[in-house]
Protein backbone atom coordinates (compact mmCIF):
# COMPACT_ATOMS: atom_id res chain seq x y z
CA VAL A 1 81.05 83.35 -0.19
CA THR A 2 82.17 86.42 -2.37
CA ALA A 3 81.80 88.42 0.86
CA LEU A 4 84.01 86.27 3.33
CA PHE A 5 86.96 85.34 0.55
CA ALA A 6 86.98 89.13 0.23
CA PHE A 7 86.93 89.57 3.90
CA LEU A 8 89.47 87.06 4.37
CA HIS A 9 91.61 88.70 1.98
CA LEU A 10 91.51 92.14 3.50
CA PRO A 11 94.92 92.17 4.57
CA GLN A 12 96.00 92.17 1.13
CA GLY A 13 95.11 95.09 0.68
CA ILE A 14 93.56 95.02 -2.99
CA HIS A 15 89.75 94.73 -2.29
CA GLY A 16 88.44 95.51 -5.50
CA PRO A 17 90.81 92.71 -7.59
CA MET A 18 89.65 90.15 -4.64
CA ALA A 19 86.12 91.05 -4.71
CA VAL A 20 86.14 90.17 -8.86
CA LEU A 21 88.11 87.26 -8.26
CA SER A 22 85.82 86.02 -6.03
CA ALA A 23 82.44 86.84 -7.89
CA LEU A 24 84.49 85.13 -10.91
CA LEU A 25 85.29 82.12 -9.00
CA CYS A 26 81.71 81.37 -7.57
CA LEU A 27 80.33 82.13 -11.04
CA ALA A 28 82.94 79.32 -12.16
CA ALA A 29 81.70 76.79 -9.83
CA LEU A 30 77.66 77.34 -10.64
CA ALA A 31 78.58 76.99 -14.32
CA SER A 32 80.82 73.71 -13.70
CA GLY A 33 78.89 72.24 -10.66
CA SER A 34 82.10 71.86 -9.28
CA VAL A 35 84.84 73.71 -7.47
CA LEU A 36 87.44 71.97 -9.46
CA TRP A 37 87.47 75.07 -11.22
CA PRO A 38 87.42 77.43 -8.71
CA VAL A 39 90.52 75.69 -7.09
CA VAL A 40 92.51 75.21 -9.86
CA LEU A 41 91.79 79.12 -11.05
CA HIS A 42 92.64 79.96 -7.49
CA THR A 43 95.63 77.91 -7.03
CA ALA A 44 96.62 79.64 -10.60
CA TRP A 45 95.92 83.20 -8.94
CA ASN A 46 98.01 82.53 -6.47
CA ALA A 47 101.09 80.91 -8.06
CA ALA A 48 100.93 83.42 -10.39
CA ALA A 49 101.21 86.10 -7.52
CA VAL A 50 104.23 84.40 -6.13
CA VAL A 51 106.54 83.93 -9.69
CA ARG A 52 105.86 87.67 -9.87
CA SER A 53 107.56 88.21 -6.49
CA LEU A 54 110.42 86.14 -7.44
CA PRO A 55 113.66 88.00 -9.12
CA SER A 56 113.99 87.36 -12.99
CA GLY A 57 116.37 84.42 -13.63
CA GLU A 58 117.23 81.12 -13.03
CA GLU A 59 115.21 81.02 -9.48
CA ARG A 60 111.87 82.03 -11.04
CA TRP A 61 111.58 79.23 -13.69
CA THR A 62 112.42 76.25 -10.52
CA VAL A 63 109.03 77.40 -9.24
CA ALA A 64 107.01 78.56 -12.09
CA LEU A 65 107.55 75.39 -13.97
CA PRO A 66 106.51 72.82 -10.79
CA ALA A 67 103.49 75.05 -10.36
CA VAL A 68 102.30 74.95 -14.46
CA ALA A 69 102.88 70.63 -13.29
CA GLY A 70 100.81 70.93 -10.62
CA LEU A 71 98.13 72.84 -12.22
CA LEU A 72 97.92 71.11 -15.31
CA ALA A 73 98.03 67.39 -13.13
CA LEU A 74 95.09 69.15 -11.23
CA THR A 75 93.29 69.97 -14.47
CA GLY A 76 93.89 66.74 -15.60
CA PHE A 77 92.51 64.81 -12.76
CA GLY A 78 89.57 67.23 -12.91
CA VAL A 79 88.52 66.21 -16.12
CA ALA A 80 89.61 62.78 -16.28
CA SER A 81 87.41 62.27 -12.92
CA ARG A 82 84.51 63.88 -14.30
CA GLN A 83 84.61 61.62 -17.42
CA ARG A 84 84.44 58.85 -15.64
CA ARG A 85 81.21 59.84 -13.85
CA GLY A 86 79.72 60.84 -16.79
CA ALA A 87 80.27 57.47 -18.33
CA ARG A 88 78.24 55.35 -15.42
């Protein structure tokens, strides 16, 4: 999975960091037993990249705040669903 992830991100030109990120995402999936955390981490990584690419100022916040809210909602949903499954 790590090799495929790194290969798919080759056009970005940052091979080393992508391989490390992929390995960390795989470890997160193995440790949690779920793909929720890798999805949240990958989304956070992408959101940070988008926000960094924007000029500083008000426009940056109009992107950053909804991205953070979405990540928090996704994380909360994942935690709640895992707790419900554990309660059964």
